[in-house]
Amino acid sequence: MWRRPFLWFIVAAALVYALYPYFTDDVGMRESLLLAAVYIILASNLNLMIGYAGYVNFGNIVFFGLGGYICLYLVTALHWHVIPAALTGGAAVSALALLFGLGILRLRGAFFALATIGVNQAIQQLVVNFEPWGGATGIYLSLDAYGPLGGPMQALWTTYLMIVAVTTASLLASYAIRHSKFGLGLLAIGQNEDAASVLGVPTPRYKAMVYSASAFLPAVAGGLYFFKSGIIEPSSAFNLQTSIEAIVMVMLGGSGTILGPALGAFLYEELRGFLLTAQSFSQFQLVIAGALLLLIVQFVPGGLLGWVHQRWPRTRRWLE
């Protein structure tokens, strides 16, 4: 597997991504790249549902939020180290997604998409009224929680490196799934679910499995991100706008590809940062995102990576 140039490209890009702000000691660059890395994780794992299985999930952010809450609760209430706390959050959310997936993935098309919105809103309201997790005010970390990582300042750099590691794992997992029997089954489901079922693909099990797989790393990233932030609240943990933006990122880069969602997430985050800081466009972020999605669907349905592959077919060897 490691003979493929694309895998070495991912590893090399991840090393540059991780080390550049560290050696330049550019805190602003680190924060910008960290947020882009989080979006890459969300988009790459959402692509497992949209690009591979053909199911649009508007509630992808619920995995991120639940992972954050479980991680911070374990850190504050039980005094766990952040790494096992984040991994435990990821495993718990993935198991929960498997159970939910067995139910809601019986729905298709718009009905499934609406159901995922309902799941996100229901979980948010449950958390708002769940006092052990702070209710509507959320969970706050004390400075003592950063002691195992060398204090608050060192924890910022360590958390950044861990999130970049999760980003790399997301891309490698996407590659491994796409080039496996499981991935071929998902692609068949995305093309024609009924035909895939007739041909012997266990569609209910595969759909539930990919729904669960798409939850694990976003949940781990949620734990690390909110640990770094020092606070988690229901409104920020389950922001439906972020799920919508993640769909735009997947379509922008190229759904069904491995690198496309990462490329789309990085470019969209740069555009988003410009819009939020530009006084003339700060209130039109979602309007521009919606217009961008319409333009992609109408003129570049394969996304940026699909357009590159169409113009220069040899790039498929390096950019999958």
C-alpha atoms as a PDB file:
ATOM      1  CA  MET A   1       0.000   0.000   0.000  1.00  0.00           C
ATOM      2  CA  TRP A   2       2.823   2.404   0.862  1.00  0.00           C
ATOM      3  CA  ARG A   3       4.186   2.136  -2.665  1.00  0.00           C
ATOM      4  CA  ARG A   4       1.494   4.526  -3.813  1.00  0.00           C
ATOM      5  CA  PRO A   5       2.920   8.086  -4.246  1.00  0.00           C
ATOM      6  CA  PHE A   6      -0.331   9.575  -2.951  1.00  0.00           C
ATOM      7  CA  LEU A   7       0.222   8.186   0.551  1.00  0.00           C
ATOM      8  CA  TRP A   8       3.698   9.686   0.772  1.00  0.00           C
ATOM      9  CA  PHE A   9       2.241  12.970  -0.455  1.00  0.00           C
ATOM     10  CA  ILE A  10      -0.213  12.928   2.479  1.00  0.00           C
ATOM     11  CA  VAL A  11       2.536  12.186   5.002  1.00  0.00           C
ATOM     12  CA  ALA A  12       4.842  14.898   3.617  1.00  0.00           C
ATOM     13  CA  ALA A  13       2.036  17.484   3.555  1.00  0.00           C
ATOM     14  CA  ALA A  14       1.089  16.588   7.141  1.00  0.00           C
ATOM     15  CA  LEU A  15       4.681  17.078   8.354  1.00  0.00           C
ATOM     16  CA  VAL A  16       4.904  20.504   6.708  1.00  0.00           C
ATOM     17  CA  TYR A  17       1.483  21.419   8.083  1.00  0.00           C
ATOM     18  CA  ALA A  18       2.488  20.395  11.602  1.00  0.00           C
ATOM     19  CA  LEU A  19       5.970  21.879  11.746  1.00  0.00           C
ATOM     20  CA  TYR A  20       5.691  25.137   9.792  1.00  0.00           C
ATOM     21  CA  PRO A  21       3.961  27.239  12.501  1.00  0.00           C
ATOM     22  CA  TYR A  22       6.138  25.609  15.166  1.00  0.00           C
ATOM     23  CA  PHE A  23       9.462  26.612  13.599  1.00  0.00           C
ATOM     24  CA  THR A  24       8.203  30.054  12.562  1.00  0.00           C
ATOM     25  CA  ASP A  25       6.651  30.553  16.033  1.00  0.00           C
ATOM     26  CA  ASP A  26       3.654  32.129  14.312  1.00  0.00           C
ATOM     27  CA  VAL A  27       0.735  31.851  16.746  1.00  0.00           C
ATOM     28  CA  GLY A  28      -1.730  33.418  14.314  1.00  0.00           C
ATOM     29  CA  MET A  29      -0.751  30.934  11.617  1.00  0.00           C
ATOM     30  CA  ARG A  30      -1.105  28.075  14.107  1.00  0.00           C
ATOM     31  CA  GLU A  31      -4.650  29.072  15.047  1.00  0.00           C
ATOM     32  CA  SER A  32      -5.663  29.478  11.404  1.00  0.00           C
ATOM     33  CA  LEU A  33      -4.197  26.104  10.432  1.00  0.00           C
ATOM     34  CA  LEU A  34      -5.745  24.432  13.481  1.00  0.00           C
ATOM     35  CA  LEU A  35      -9.228  25.583  12.500  1.00  0.00           C
ATOM     36  CA  ALA A  36      -8.612  24.479   8.908  1.00  0.00           C
ATOM     37  CA  ALA A  37      -7.454  21.069  10.197  1.00  0.00           C
ATOM     38  CA  VAL A  38     -10.688  20.675  12.168  1.00  0.00           C
ATOM     39  CA  TYR A  39     -12.706  21.462   9.041  1.00  0.00           C
ATOM     40  CA  ILE A  40     -10.638  18.961   7.046  1.00  0.00           C
ATOM     41  CA  ILE A  41     -11.498  16.267   9.605  1.00  0.00           C
ATOM     42  CA  LEU A  42     -15.207  17.108   9.438  1.00  0.00           C
ATOM     43  CA  ALA A  43     -15.273  17.250   5.620  1.00  0.00           C
ATOM     44  CA  SER A  44     -13.155  14.136   5.079  1.00  0.00           C
ATOM     45  CA  ASN A  45     -15.325  12.006   7.347  1.00  0.00           C
ATOM     46  CA  LEU A  46     -18.552  13.507   6.010  1.00  0.00           C
ATOM     47  CA  ASN A  47     -17.320  12.467   2.557  1.00  0.00           C
ATOM     48  CA  LEU A  48     -17.569   8.840   3.675  1.00  0.00           C
ATOM     49  CA  MET A  49     -21.330   9.330   3.780  1.00  0.00           C
ATOM     50  CA  ILE A  50     -21.841  11.762   0.889  1.00  0.00           C
ATOM     51  CA  GLY A  51     -19.132  10.794  -1.570  1.00  0.00           C
ATOM     52  CA  TYR A  52     -18.990   7.055  -0.935  1.00  0.00           C
ATOM     53  CA  ALA A  53     -22.437   5.933   0.267  1.00  0.00           C
ATOM     54  CA  GLY A  54     -24.439   8.750  -1.325  1.00  0.00           C
ATOM     55  CA  TYR A  55     -26.207   9.843   1.888  1.00  0.00           C
ATOM     56  CA  VAL A  56     -26.290  13.560   2.761  1.00  0.00           C
ATOM     57  CA  ASN A  57     -25.783  13.982   6.505  1.00  0.00           C
ATOM     58  CA  PHE A  58     -26.731  17.413   7.837  1.00  0.00           C
ATOM     59  CA  GLY A  59     -26.092  16.322  11.421  1.00  0.00           C
ATOM     60  CA  ASN A  60     -22.392  15.517  11.140  1.00  0.00           C
ATOM     61  CA  ILE A  61     -21.593  18.184  13.732  1.00  0.00           C
ATOM     62  CA  VAL A  62     -23.367  16.154  16.437  1.00  0.00           C
ATOM     63  CA  PHE A  63     -20.391  13.762  16.513  1.00  0.00           C
ATOM     64  CA  PHE A  64     -17.992  16.661  17.015  1.00  0.00           C
ATOM     65  CA  GLY A  65     -20.071  18.141  19.832  1.00  0.00           C
ATOM     66  CA  LEU A  66     -20.713  14.907  21.705  1.00  0.00           C
ATOM     67  CA  GLY A  67     -17.045  13.961  21.519  1.00  0.00           C
ATOM     68  CA  GLY A  68     -16.161  17.338  22.996  1.00  0.00           C
ATOM     69  CA  TYR A  69     -18.616  16.986  25.862  1.00  0.00           C
ATOM     70  CA  ILE A  70     -17.547  13.459  26.781  1.00  0.00           C
ATOM     71  CA  CYS A  71     -13.870  14.391  26.664  1.00  0.00           C
ATOM     72  CA  LEU A  72     -14.213  17.527  28.788  1.00  0.00           C
ATOM     73  CA  TYR A  73     -16.430  15.754  31.302  1.00  0.00           C
ATOM     74  CA  LEU A  74     -13.840  13.002  31.756  1.00  0.00           C
ATOM     75  CA  VAL A  75     -11.069  15.580  32.109  1.00  0.00           C
ATOM     76  CA  THR A  76     -12.917  17.791  34.621  1.00  0.00           C
ATOM     77  CA  ALA A  77     -14.954  15.304  36.654  1.00  0.00           C
ATOM     78  CA  LEU A  78     -12.716  12.234  36.592  1.00  0.00           C
ATOM     79  CA  HIS A  79      -9.349  13.984  35.990  1.00  0.00           C
ATOM     80  CA  TRP A  80      -8.426  11.916  32.934  1.00  0.00           C
ATOM     81  CA  HIS A  81      -5.578  12.805  30.617  1.00  0.00           C
ATOM     82  CA  VAL A  82      -6.903  14.436  27.453  1.00  0.00           C
ATOM     83  CA  ILE A  83      -5.673  11.709  25.070  1.00  0.00           C
ATOM     84  CA  PRO A  84      -7.555   8.736  26.605  1.00  0.00           C
ATOM     85  CA  ALA A  85     -10.506  11.057  27.257  1.00  0.00           C
ATOM     86  CA  ALA A  86     -10.684  12.079  23.592  1.00  0.00           C
ATOM     87  CA  LEU A  87     -10.294   8.480  22.375  1.00  0.00           C
ATOM     88  CA  THR A  88     -12.983   7.297  24.787  1.00  0.00           C
ATOM     89  CA  GLY A  89     -15.276  10.042  23.542  1.00  0.00           C
ATOM     90  CA  GLY A  90     -14.624   8.950  19.973  1.00  0.00           C
ATOM     91  CA  ALA A  91     -15.350   5.297  20.746  1.00  0.00           C
ATOM     92  CA  ALA A  92     -18.551   6.134  22.665  1.00  0.00           C
ATOM     93  CA  VAL A  93     -19.873   8.414  19.920  1.00  0.00           C
ATOM     94  CA  SER A  94     -18.985   5.872  17.237  1.00  0.00           C
ATOM     95  CA  ALA A  95     -20.916   3.159  19.096  1.00  0.00           C
ATOM     96  CA  LEU A  96     -23.868   5.514  19.534  1.00  0.00           C
ATOM     97  CA  ALA A  97     -23.762   6.374  15.822  1.00  0.00           C
ATOM     98  CA  LEU A  98     -23.884   2.672  14.983  1.00  0.00           C
ATOM     99  CA  LEU A  99     -27.084   2.281  17.003  1.00  0.00           C
ATOM    100  CA  PHE A 100     -28.647   5.405  15.493  1.00  0.00           C
ATOM    101  CA  GLY A 101     -27.519   4.372  12.022  1.00  0.00           C
ATOM    102  CA  LEU A 102     -29.327   1.059  12.178  1.00  0.00           C
ATOM    103  CA  GLY A 103     -32.526   3.073  12.603  1.00  0.00           C
ATOM    104  CA  ILE A 104     -32.344   6.278  10.590  1.00  0.00           C
ATOM    105  CA  LEU A 105     -30.449   4.742   7.663  1.00  0.00           C
ATOM    106  CA  ARG A 106     -33.619   2.910   6.744  1.00  0.00           C
ATOM    107  CA  LEU A 107     -34.615   6.315   5.386  1.00  0.00           C
ATOM    108  CA  ARG A 108     -33.320   7.615   2.082  1.00  0.00           C
ATOM    109  CA  GLY A 109     -32.828  10.899   0.278  1.00  0.00           C
ATOM    110  CA  ALA A 110     -34.445  13.981   1.767  1.00  0.00           C
ATOM    111  CA  PHE A 111     -36.059  11.943   4.566  1.00  0.00           C
ATOM    112  CA  PHE A 112     -32.644  10.824   5.840  1.00  0.00           C
ATOM    113  CA  ALA A 113     -31.251  14.362   5.556  1.00  0.00           C
ATOM    114  CA  LEU A 114     -34.173  15.763   7.586  1.00  0.00           C
ATOM    115  CA  ALA A 115     -33.774  12.996  10.157  1.00  0.00           C
ATOM    116  CA  THR A 116     -30.120  13.927  10.712  1.00  0.00           C
ATOM    117  CA  ILE A 117     -31.137  17.537  11.365  1.00  0.00           C
ATOM    118  CA  GLY A 118     -33.664  16.250  13.887  1.00  0.00           C
ATOM    119  CA  VAL A 119     -31.041  14.114  15.624  1.00  0.00           C
ATOM    120  CA  ASN A 120     -28.716  17.115  15.959  1.00  0.00           C
ATOM    121  CA  GLN A 121     -31.435  19.338  17.417  1.00  0.00           C
ATOM    122  CA  ALA A 122     -32.643  16.611  19.779  1.00  0.00           C
ATOM    123  CA  ILE A 123     -29.138  15.931  21.114  1.00  0.00           C
ATOM    124  CA  GLN A 124     -28.552  19.664  21.569  1.00  0.00           C
ATOM    125  CA  GLN A 125     -31.711  20.066  23.631  1.00  0.00           C
ATOM    126  CA  LEU A 126     -30.831  16.980  25.660  1.00  0.00           C
ATOM    127  CA  VAL A 127     -27.424  18.438  26.486  1.00  0.00           C
ATOM    128  CA  VAL A 128     -28.941  21.837  27.347  1.00  0.00           C
ATOM    129  CA  ASN A 129     -31.038  20.110  30.022  1.00  0.00           C
ATOM    130  CA  PHE A 130     -28.337  17.713  31.223  1.00  0.00           C
ATOM    131  CA  GLU A 131     -26.960  19.220  34.421  1.00  0.00           C
ATOM    132  CA  PRO A 132     -23.886  16.937  34.841  1.00  0.00           C
ATOM    133  CA  TRP A 133     -22.589  18.537  31.624  1.00  0.00           C
ATOM    134  CA  GLY A 134     -23.320  22.052  32.801  1.00  0.00           C
ATOM    135  CA  GLY A 135     -26.676  22.480  31.097  1.00  0.00           C
ATOM    136  CA  ALA A 136     -26.979  25.609  28.978  1.00  0.00           C
ATOM    137  CA  THR A 137     -23.745  27.100  30.370  1.00  0.00           C
ATOM    138  CA  GLY A 138     -21.577  24.146  29.342  1.00  0.00           C
ATOM    139  CA  ILE A 139     -18.288  22.950  30.826  1.00  0.00           C
ATOM    140  CA  TYR A 140     -15.290  25.149  31.690  1.00  0.00           C
ATOM    141  CA  LEU A 141     -11.750  23.912  32.196  1.00  0.00           C
ATOM    142  CA  SER A 142      -9.495  25.195  34.937  1.00  0.00           C
ATOM    143  CA  LEU A 143      -5.836  25.903  34.236  1.00  0.00           C
ATOM    144  CA  ASP A 144      -4.928  22.813  36.268  1.00  0.00           C
ATOM    145  CA  ALA A 145      -6.341  20.613  33.476  1.00  0.00           C
ATOM    146  CA  TYR A 146      -3.405  21.658  31.261  1.00  0.00           C
ATOM    147  CA  GLY A 147      -0.784  20.589  33.786  1.00  0.00           C
ATOM    148  CA  PRO A 148      -0.153  17.119  32.264  1.00  0.00           C
ATOM    149  CA  LEU A 149       0.717  18.810  28.952  1.00  0.00           C
ATOM    150  CA  GLY A 150       3.197  21.248  30.471  1.00  0.00           C
ATOM    151  CA  GLY A 151       0.887  24.168  31.196  1.00  0.00           C
ATOM    152  CA  PRO A 152      -1.557  26.235  29.092  1.00  0.00           C
ATOM    153  CA  MET A 153       0.989  27.623  26.591  1.00  0.00           C
ATOM    154  CA  GLN A 154       2.632  24.286  25.835  1.00  0.00           C
ATOM    155  CA  ALA A 155      -0.799  22.633  25.690  1.00  0.00           C
ATOM    156  CA  LEU A 156      -1.767  24.872  22.763  1.00  0.00           C
ATOM    157  CA  TRP A 157       1.117  23.553  20.653  1.00  0.00           C
ATOM    158  CA  THR A 158       0.631  19.956  21.789  1.00  0.00           C
ATOM    159  CA  THR A 159      -3.080  20.051  21.007  1.00  0.00           C
ATOM    160  CA  TYR A 160      -2.339  21.518  17.586  1.00  0.00           C
ATOM    161  CA  LEU A 161       0.011  18.632  16.784  1.00  0.00           C
ATOM    162  CA  MET A 162      -2.558  16.091  17.992  1.00  0.00           C
ATOM    163  CA  ILE A 163      -5.273  17.599  15.801  1.00  0.00           C
ATOM    164  CA  VAL A 164      -2.938  17.492  12.785  1.00  0.00           C
ATOM    165  CA  ALA A 165      -2.329  13.815  13.598  1.00  0.00           C
ATOM    166  CA  VAL A 166      -6.096  13.208  13.611  1.00  0.00           C
ATOM    167  CA  THR A 167      -6.336  15.041  10.274  1.00  0.00           C
ATOM    168  CA  THR A 168      -3.692  12.750   8.781  1.00  0.00           C
ATOM    169  CA  ALA A 169      -5.502   9.714  10.181  1.00  0.00           C
ATOM    170  CA  SER A 170      -8.732  10.922   8.533  1.00  0.00           C
ATOM    171  CA  LEU A 171      -7.113  11.065   5.102  1.00  0.00           C
ATOM    172  CA  LEU A 172      -5.393   7.689   5.522  1.00  0.00           C
ATOM    173  CA  ALA A 173      -8.648   6.113   6.763  1.00  0.00           C
ATOM    174  CA  SER A 174     -10.498   7.550   3.766  1.00  0.00           C
ATOM    175  CA  TYR A 175      -7.868   6.019   1.482  1.00  0.00           C
ATOM    176  CA  ALA A 176      -8.005   2.637   3.225  1.00  0.00           C
ATOM    177  CA  ILE A 177     -11.798   2.495   3.058  1.00  0.00           C
ATOM    178  CA  ARG A 178     -11.967   3.518  -0.598  1.00  0.00           C
ATOM    179  CA  HIS A 179      -9.490   0.824  -1.654  1.00  0.00           C
ATOM    180  CA  SER A 180     -11.136  -1.954   0.363  1.00  0.00           C
ATOM    181  CA  LYS A 181     -13.989  -4.359  -0.315  1.00  0.00           C
ATOM    182  CA  PHE A 182     -16.030  -2.329   2.158  1.00  0.00           C
ATOM    183  CA  GLY A 183     -15.340   0.835   0.174  1.00  0.00           C
ATOM    184  CA  LEU A 184     -16.340  -0.807  -3.106  1.00  0.00           C
ATOM    185  CA  GLY A 185     -19.611  -1.821  -1.478  1.00  0.00           C
ATOM    186  CA  LEU A 186     -20.202   1.753  -0.328  1.00  0.00           C
ATOM    187  CA  LEU A 187     -19.535   3.094  -3.826  1.00  0.00           C
ATOM    188  CA  ALA A 188     -22.026   0.585  -5.196  1.00  0.00           C
ATOM    189  CA  ILE A 189     -24.599   1.781  -2.664  1.00  0.00           C
ATOM    190  CA  GLY A 190     -23.927   5.357  -3.702  1.00  0.00           C
ATOM    191  CA  GLN A 191     -24.500   4.494  -7.370  1.00  0.00           C
ATOM    192  CA  ASN A 192     -27.611   2.360  -6.958  1.00  0.00           C
ATOM    193  CA  GLU A 193     -28.538   0.943  -3.567  1.00  0.00           C
ATOM    194  CA  ASP A 194     -31.176  -1.468  -4.832  1.00  0.00           C
ATOM    195  CA  ALA A 195     -28.844  -2.901  -7.449  1.00  0.00           C
ATOM    196  CA  ALA A 196     -26.054  -3.215  -4.866  1.00  0.00           C
ATOM    197  CA  SER A 197     -28.384  -5.172  -2.589  1.00  0.00           C
ATOM    198  CA  VAL A 198     -29.355  -7.530  -5.422  1.00  0.00           C
ATOM    199  CA  LEU A 199     -25.663  -8.117  -6.171  1.00  0.00           C
ATOM    200  CA  GLY A 200     -25.043  -9.236  -2.585  1.00  0.00           C
ATOM    201  CA  VAL A 201     -23.829  -6.074  -0.840  1.00  0.00           C
ATOM    202  CA  PRO A 202     -25.140  -6.109   2.780  1.00  0.00           C
ATOM    203  CA  THR A 203     -26.456  -2.563   2.453  1.00  0.00           C
ATOM    204  CA  PRO A 204     -28.002  -2.064   5.959  1.00  0.00           C
ATOM    205  CA  ARG A 205     -24.828  -3.260   7.687  1.00  0.00           C
ATOM    206  CA  TYR A 206     -22.466  -1.324   5.423  1.00  0.00           C
ATOM    207  CA  LYS A 207     -24.458   1.902   5.840  1.00  0.00           C
ATOM    208  CA  ALA A 208     -24.493   1.586   9.625  1.00  0.00           C
ATOM    209  CA  MET A 209     -20.773   0.788   9.646  1.00  0.00           C
ATOM    210  CA  VAL A 210     -19.805   3.820   7.562  1.00  0.00           C
ATOM    211  CA  TYR A 211     -22.077   6.047   9.645  1.00  0.00           C
ATOM    212  CA  SER A 212     -20.246   4.810  12.730  1.00  0.00           C
ATOM    213  CA  ALA A 213     -16.834   5.183  11.072  1.00  0.00           C
ATOM    214  CA  SER A 214     -17.630   8.762  10.051  1.00  0.00           C
ATOM    215  CA  ALA A 215     -18.305   9.600  13.718  1.00  0.00           C
ATOM    216  CA  PHE A 216     -15.100   8.405  15.399  1.00  0.00           C
ATOM    217  CA  LEU A 217     -12.429  10.884  14.291  1.00  0.00           C
ATOM    218  CA  PRO A 218     -14.729  13.983  14.337  1.00  0.00           C
ATOM    219  CA  ALA A 219     -15.593  13.059  17.931  1.00  0.00           C
ATOM    220  CA  VAL A 220     -11.904  12.731  18.830  1.00  0.00           C
ATOM    221  CA  ALA A 221     -11.223  16.075  17.142  1.00  0.00           C
ATOM    222  CA  GLY A 222     -14.110  17.641  19.063  1.00  0.00           C
ATOM    223  CA  GLY A 223     -12.574  16.537  22.340  1.00  0.00           C
ATOM    224  CA  LEU A 224      -9.168  17.975  21.453  1.00  0.00           C
ATOM    225  CA  TYR A 225     -10.574  21.206  20.017  1.00  0.00           C
ATOM    226  CA  PHE A 226     -12.767  22.071  22.995  1.00  0.00           C
ATOM    227  CA  PHE A 227      -9.995  21.023  25.389  1.00  0.00           C
ATOM    228  CA  LYS A 228      -7.779  23.541  23.644  1.00  0.00           C
ATOM    229  CA  SER A 229     -10.536  26.175  23.844  1.00  0.00           C
ATOM    230  CA  GLY A 230     -11.104  25.504  27.552  1.00  0.00           C
ATOM    231  CA  ILE A 231     -14.888  25.715  27.235  1.00  0.00           C
ATOM    232  CA  ILE A 232     -17.741  23.922  25.499  1.00  0.00           C
ATOM    233  CA  GLU A 233     -21.325  25.168  25.131  1.00  0.00           C
ATOM    234  CA  PRO A 234     -24.324  23.590  23.354  1.00  0.00           C
ATOM    235  CA  SER A 235     -24.604  26.416  20.811  1.00  0.00           C
ATOM    236  CA  SER A 236     -21.004  26.034  19.627  1.00  0.00           C
ATOM    237  CA  ALA A 237     -20.842  22.250  19.970  1.00  0.00           C
ATOM    238  CA  PHE A 238     -23.945  21.556  17.848  1.00  0.00           C
ATOM    239  CA  ASN A 239     -23.922  24.457  15.401  1.00  0.00           C
ATOM    240  CA  LEU A 240     -25.943  23.320  12.370  1.00  0.00           C
ATOM    241  CA  GLN A 241     -24.272  26.018  10.253  1.00  0.00           C
ATOM    242  CA  THR A 242     -20.981  24.144  10.553  1.00  0.00           C
ATOM    243  CA  SER A 243     -22.572  20.987   9.149  1.00  0.00           C
ATOM    244  CA  ILE A 244     -23.904  22.943   6.175  1.00  0.00           C
ATOM    245  CA  GLU A 245     -20.484  24.471   5.579  1.00  0.00           C
ATOM    246  CA  ALA A 246     -18.895  21.003   5.732  1.00  0.00           C
ATOM    247  CA  ILE A 247     -21.157  19.884   2.885  1.00  0.00           C
ATOM    248  CA  VAL A 248     -20.014  22.908   0.851  1.00  0.00           C
ATOM    249  CA  MET A 249     -16.391  21.936   1.541  1.00  0.00           C
ATOM    250  CA  VAL A 250     -16.934  18.377   0.332  1.00  0.00           C
ATOM    251  CA  MET A 251     -18.606  19.547  -2.873  1.00  0.00           C
ATOM    252  CA  LEU A 252     -16.042  22.301  -3.447  1.00  0.00           C
ATOM    253  CA  GLY A 253     -13.062  19.958  -3.340  1.00  0.00           C
ATOM    254  CA  GLY A 254     -14.745  16.963  -4.949  1.00  0.00           C
ATOM    255  CA  SER A 255     -17.020  14.431  -3.275  1.00  0.00           C
ATOM    256  CA  GLY A 256     -16.021  10.798  -3.568  1.00  0.00           C
ATOM    257  CA  THR A 257     -12.314  11.636  -3.710  1.00  0.00           C
ATOM    258  CA  ILE A 258      -9.800  11.415  -0.876  1.00  0.00           C
ATOM    259  CA  LEU A 259      -7.924  14.686  -1.149  1.00  0.00           C
ATOM    260  CA  GLY A 260     -10.853  16.723  -2.516  1.00  0.00           C
ATOM    261  CA  PRO A 261     -12.704  17.332   0.780  1.00  0.00           C
ATOM    262  CA  ALA A 262      -9.429  18.330   2.457  1.00  0.00           C
ATOM    263  CA  LEU A 263      -8.661  20.772  -0.347  1.00  0.00           C
ATOM    264  CA  GLY A 264     -12.187  22.159  -0.231  1.00  0.00           C
ATOM    265  CA  ALA A 265     -12.061  22.544   3.555  1.00  0.00           C
ATOM    266  CA  PHE A 266      -8.742  24.382   3.481  1.00  0.00           C
ATOM    267  CA  LEU A 267      -9.822  26.770   0.716  1.00  0.00           C
ATOM    268  CA  TYR A 268     -13.216  27.386   2.277  1.00  0.00           C
ATOM    269  CA  GLU A 269     -11.665  28.170   5.664  1.00  0.00           C
ATOM    270  CA  GLU A 270      -9.372  30.715   4.024  1.00  0.00           C
ATOM    271  CA  LEU A 271     -12.381  32.255   2.255  1.00  0.00           C
ATOM    272  CA  ARG A 272     -14.393  32.173   5.466  1.00  0.00           C
ATOM    273  CA  GLY A 273     -11.622  33.932   7.380  1.00  0.00           C
ATOM    274  CA  PHE A 274     -11.520  36.671   4.748  1.00  0.00           C
ATOM    275  CA  LEU A 275     -15.302  37.134   4.804  1.00  0.00           C
ATOM    276  CA  LEU A 276     -15.454  37.330   8.590  1.00  0.00           C
ATOM    277  CA  THR A 277     -12.727  39.980   8.741  1.00  0.00           C
ATOM    278  CA  ALA A 278     -13.954  42.007   5.752  1.00  0.00           C
ATOM    279  CA  GLN A 279     -16.464  44.578   6.972  1.00  0.00           C
ATOM    280  CA  SER A 280     -18.411  44.583   3.699  1.00  0.00           C
ATOM    281  CA  PHE A 281     -18.973  40.796   3.626  1.00  0.00           C
ATOM    282  CA  SER A 282     -19.087  39.729   7.293  1.00  0.00           C
ATOM    283  CA  GLN A 283     -22.890  39.330   7.240  1.00  0.00           C
ATOM    284  CA  PHE A 284     -23.033  37.422   3.961  1.00  0.00           C
ATOM    285  CA  GLN A 285     -20.943  34.368   4.787  1.00  0.00           C
ATOM    286  CA  LEU A 286     -23.725  31.788   4.385  1.00  0.00           C
ATOM    287  CA  VAL A 287     -25.159  33.591   1.365  1.00  0.00           C
ATOM    288  CA  ILE A 288     -21.814  33.299  -0.404  1.00  0.00           C
ATOM    289  CA  ALA A 289     -21.474  29.679   0.737  1.00  0.00           C
ATOM    290  CA  GLY A 290     -24.890  28.865  -0.735  1.00  0.00           C
ATOM    291  CA  ALA A 291     -24.075  30.626  -4.002  1.00  0.00           C
ATOM    292  CA  LEU A 292     -20.752  28.772  -4.140  1.00  0.00           C
ATOM    293  CA  LEU A 293     -22.538  25.437  -3.707  1.00  0.00           C
ATOM    294  CA  LEU A 294     -24.966  26.250  -6.532  1.00  0.00           C
ATOM    295  CA  LEU A 295     -22.119  27.191  -8.858  1.00  0.00           C
ATOM    296  CA  ILE A 296     -20.257  23.960  -8.071  1.00  0.00           C
ATOM    297  CA  VAL A 297     -23.283  21.762  -8.680  1.00  0.00           C
ATOM    298  CA  GLN A 298     -24.128  23.584 -11.918  1.00  0.00           C
ATOM    299  CA  PHE A 299     -20.716  24.025 -13.519  1.00  0.00           C
ATOM    300  CA  VAL A 300     -18.153  21.832 -11.701  1.00  0.00           C
ATOM    301  CA  PRO A 301     -20.073  18.840 -10.276  1.00  0.00           C
ATOM    302  CA  GLY A 302     -16.837  16.930  -9.747  1.00  0.00           C
ATOM    303  CA  GLY A 303     -15.377  19.716  -7.605  1.00  0.00           C
ATOM    304  CA  LEU A 304     -11.940  21.234  -7.990  1.00  0.00           C
ATOM    305  CA  LEU A 305     -10.138  17.895  -7.894  1.00  0.00           C
ATOM    306  CA  GLY A 306     -12.506  16.429 -10.473  1.00  0.00           C
ATOM    307  CA  TRP A 307     -11.797  19.382 -12.737  1.00  0.00           C
ATOM    308  CA  VAL A 308      -8.032  18.860 -12.317  1.00  0.00           C
ATOM    309  CA  HIS A 309      -8.357  15.154 -13.113  1.00  0.00           C
ATOM    310  CA  GLN A 310     -10.380  15.943 -16.200  1.00  0.00           C
ATOM    311  CA  ARG A 311      -7.825  18.427 -17.504  1.00  0.00           C
ATOM    312  CA  TRP A 312      -4.717  16.465 -16.487  1.00  0.00           C
ATOM    313  CA  PRO A 313      -5.543  12.732 -16.136  1.00  0.00           C
ATOM    314  CA  ARG A 314      -2.003  11.837 -14.987  1.00  0.00           C
ATOM    315  CA  THR A 315      -2.588  13.703 -11.718  1.00  0.00           C
ATOM    316  CA  ARG A 316      -4.810  10.836 -10.532  1.00  0.00           C
ATOM    317  CA  ARG A 317      -1.647   8.971  -9.522  1.00  0.00           C
ATOM    318  CA  TRP A 318      -0.635  11.696  -7.075  1.00  0.00           C
ATOM    319  CA  LEU A 319      -3.983  13.291  -6.216  1.00  0.00           C
ATOM    320  CA  GLU A 320      -6.739  10.766  -5.554  1.00  0.00           C
END
